[in-house]
């Protein structure tokens, strides 16, 4: 056990170092360097990390004096602590991962300010829950119960104890946000364009054009053998003039 490192005020101190994108949560003078953190008593490493400013769902690995520990590990003073972000593309199975298993079938729930991002995610085929009236408690409960990754610009929401899967979006513009999510979770190979309703999130079904002909614009009737229909809201999707524009949009979203 490390010897206590006591400051002149009687507080204990530990040395923290945060890696990669976790530095986004730190003030400039603490980024990408080791720094001392003062505390009283024996707080958990999770409480200390969040007191420093980093939401716990962004953390995937903590090393205390080169040994991996869980969030409930108590600090006594004198420790050297390395904190790492989510490992979606690196196998760290022998160590103490702090989040559930990596996102191999990514599913999301978004806070109320991310409506356009929700449509973009659905356009790319990702199961995305979004409602304008979700409050913080509802978002946290959905994330935990359904094992969905919570996307938000609210750091405080990610600090709720019940949230185990979450990501704080660095960008403000929706087009940059979708590119950020695709990159952060290595989603390019999982994209299934035009497979999901952009409005209500249901998986689209292929139906015979003849069965829904009356619902199509008059000028389009008889032009297709099959079209796609949402089983939730009955909206119809077909390769009309908007299709090429959406293809270009998807290409840009994935490559940005």
Foldseek 3Di string as FASTA:
>chain_A
DFDFDADPVRWAKEKEAEDDPQQVQADPVRHRDIDIDTDDDWAFQQVSSVVRGGQQLQWFWKAWQHATDERRHTDDHRIYMYTYGDDLPDDPPVHRTHAPDHCPQAAAEEALVQLVLLLVCVQQPHQYHYDNPDDLVNRLVCCQVVVHAYEYCDSVSSNPPSHNHYDHQPDDDSLVRLQVVCVVNVCPVVGDGPQADSPHGAGKDKDACVVCQVVDPPVCRPVDRIWIAGPPPRDIGDPDPCNVVSVVSNVSSNPD
